[in-house]
Amino acid sequence: MKFINENPVLRVASILVCFLAGVILVFTGWNQTGDLGGLIQMLIGVAVLLLALAIYNEPYSDKRKNKK
């Protein structure tokens, strides 16, 4: 993830792509309510949204490990 942290344009673009793909997957899966395929599609969409959040939070994460 160091490469994405050093390239802000790539980071913003990947967050935007993941966010839009996740929202589209959730809403299209929502339209298939009552179908197992719709549920799986929504779960994949939520996972993609969590990936976008992880990419966003990566520069702010604490790299030091607490040694006790």
C-alpha atoms as a PDB file:
ATOM      1  CA  MET A   1       0.000   0.000   0.000  1.00  0.00           C
ATOM      2  CA  LYS A   2       3.034   2.283   0.100  1.00  0.00           C
ATOM      3  CA  PHE A   3       2.704   2.909  -3.635  1.00  0.00           C
ATOM      4  CA  ILE A   4      -0.874   4.182  -3.235  1.00  0.00           C
ATOM      5  CA  ASN A   5       0.146   6.450  -0.337  1.00  0.00           C
ATOM      6  CA  GLU A   6       2.829   8.102  -2.484  1.00  0.00           C
ATOM      7  CA  ASN A   7       0.466   8.740  -5.418  1.00  0.00           C
ATOM      8  CA  PRO A   8      -2.532  10.782  -4.286  1.00  0.00           C
ATOM      9  CA  VAL A   9      -4.189  10.810  -7.727  1.00  0.00           C
ATOM     10  CA  LEU A  10      -4.096   7.016  -7.888  1.00  0.00           C
ATOM     11  CA  ARG A  11      -5.389   6.819  -4.308  1.00  0.00           C
ATOM     12  CA  VAL A  12      -8.334   9.128  -4.964  1.00  0.00           C
ATOM     13  CA  ALA A  13      -9.144   7.361  -8.233  1.00  0.00           C
ATOM     14  CA  SER A  14      -9.111   3.925  -6.597  1.00  0.00           C
ATOM     15  CA  ILE A  15     -11.304   5.158  -3.728  1.00  0.00           C
ATOM     16  CA  LEU A  16     -13.764   6.658  -6.202  1.00  0.00           C
ATOM     17  CA  VAL A  17     -13.901   3.506  -8.335  1.00  0.00           C
ATOM     18  CA  CYS A  18     -14.366   1.254  -5.289  1.00  0.00           C
ATOM     19  CA  PHE A  19     -17.036   3.535  -3.829  1.00  0.00           C
ATOM     20  CA  LEU A  20     -19.045   3.764  -7.032  1.00  0.00           C
ATOM     21  CA  ALA A  21     -18.760   0.026  -7.726  1.00  0.00           C
ATOM     22  CA  GLY A  22     -19.837  -0.777  -4.167  1.00  0.00           C
ATOM     23  CA  VAL A  23     -22.855   1.520  -4.268  1.00  0.00           C
ATOM     24  CA  ILE A  24     -23.921   0.172  -7.663  1.00  0.00           C
ATOM     25  CA  LEU A  25     -23.601  -3.427  -6.445  1.00  0.00           C
ATOM     26  CA  VAL A  26     -25.617  -2.708  -3.311  1.00  0.00           C
ATOM     27  CA  PHE A  27     -28.443  -0.965  -5.147  1.00  0.00           C
ATOM     28  CA  THR A  28     -28.678  -3.483  -7.971  1.00  0.00           C
ATOM     29  CA  GLY A  29     -28.671  -6.291  -5.423  1.00  0.00           C
ATOM     30  CA  TRP A  30     -31.373  -4.475  -3.490  1.00  0.00           C
ATOM     31  CA  ASN A  31     -33.589  -4.578  -6.576  1.00  0.00           C
ATOM     32  CA  GLN A  32     -33.347  -8.382  -6.473  1.00  0.00           C
ATOM     33  CA  THR A  33     -34.892  -8.669  -3.018  1.00  0.00           C
ATOM     34  CA  GLY A  34     -35.927 -12.231  -2.233  1.00  0.00           C
ATOM     35  CA  ASP A  35     -33.307 -13.754  -4.501  1.00  0.00           C
ATOM     36  CA  LEU A  36     -30.089 -15.322  -3.220  1.00  0.00           C
ATOM     37  CA  GLY A  37     -28.124 -13.686  -6.038  1.00  0.00           C
ATOM     38  CA  GLY A  38     -29.247 -10.269  -4.844  1.00  0.00           C
ATOM     39  CA  LEU A  39     -28.039 -10.976  -1.321  1.00  0.00           C
ATOM     40  CA  ILE A  40     -24.653 -12.140  -2.571  1.00  0.00           C
ATOM     41  CA  GLN A  41     -24.404  -9.061  -4.778  1.00  0.00           C
ATOM     42  CA  MET A  42     -25.154  -6.768  -1.836  1.00  0.00           C
ATOM     43  CA  LEU A  43     -22.570  -8.525   0.352  1.00  0.00           C
ATOM     44  CA  ILE A  44     -19.926  -8.116  -2.343  1.00  0.00           C
ATOM     45  CA  GLY A  45     -20.913  -4.440  -2.609  1.00  0.00           C
ATOM     46  CA  VAL A  46     -20.471  -3.960   1.136  1.00  0.00           C
ATOM     47  CA  ALA A  47     -17.059  -5.653   0.937  1.00  0.00           C
ATOM     48  CA  VAL A  48     -16.024  -3.280  -1.867  1.00  0.00           C
ATOM     49  CA  LEU A  49     -17.205  -0.296   0.199  1.00  0.00           C
ATOM     50  CA  LEU A  50     -15.094  -1.547   3.113  1.00  0.00           C
ATOM     51  CA  LEU A  51     -12.132  -1.803   0.730  1.00  0.00           C
ATOM     52  CA  ALA A  52     -12.651   1.843  -0.247  1.00  0.00           C
ATOM     53  CA  LEU A  53     -12.686   2.772   3.443  1.00  0.00           C
ATOM     54  CA  ALA A  54      -9.484   0.797   4.053  1.00  0.00           C
ATOM     55  CA  ILE A  55      -7.740   2.582   1.171  1.00  0.00           C
ATOM     56  CA  TYR A  56      -8.887   5.928   2.563  1.00  0.00           C
ATOM     57  CA  ASN A  57      -7.650   5.151   6.087  1.00  0.00           C
ATOM     58  CA  GLU A  58      -4.297   3.636   5.097  1.00  0.00           C
ATOM     59  CA  PRO A  59      -2.236   6.884   5.307  1.00  0.00           C
ATOM     60  CA  TYR A  60      -3.578   7.565   8.790  1.00  0.00           C
ATOM     61  CA  SER A  61      -2.890   4.113  10.224  1.00  0.00           C
ATOM     62  CA  ASP A  62      -0.292   3.747  12.968  1.00  0.00           C
ATOM     63  CA  LYS A  63       2.601   1.679  11.628  1.00  0.00           C
ATOM     64  CA  ARG A  64       4.233   1.261  15.022  1.00  0.00           C
ATOM     65  CA  LYS A  65       3.532  -1.941  16.849  1.00  0.00           C
ATOM     66  CA  ASN A  66       2.999  -1.749  20.580  1.00  0.00           C
ATOM     67  CA  LYS A  67       5.734  -3.765  22.186  1.00  0.00           C
ATOM     68  CA  LYS A  68       4.970  -4.832  25.718  1.00  0.00           C
END
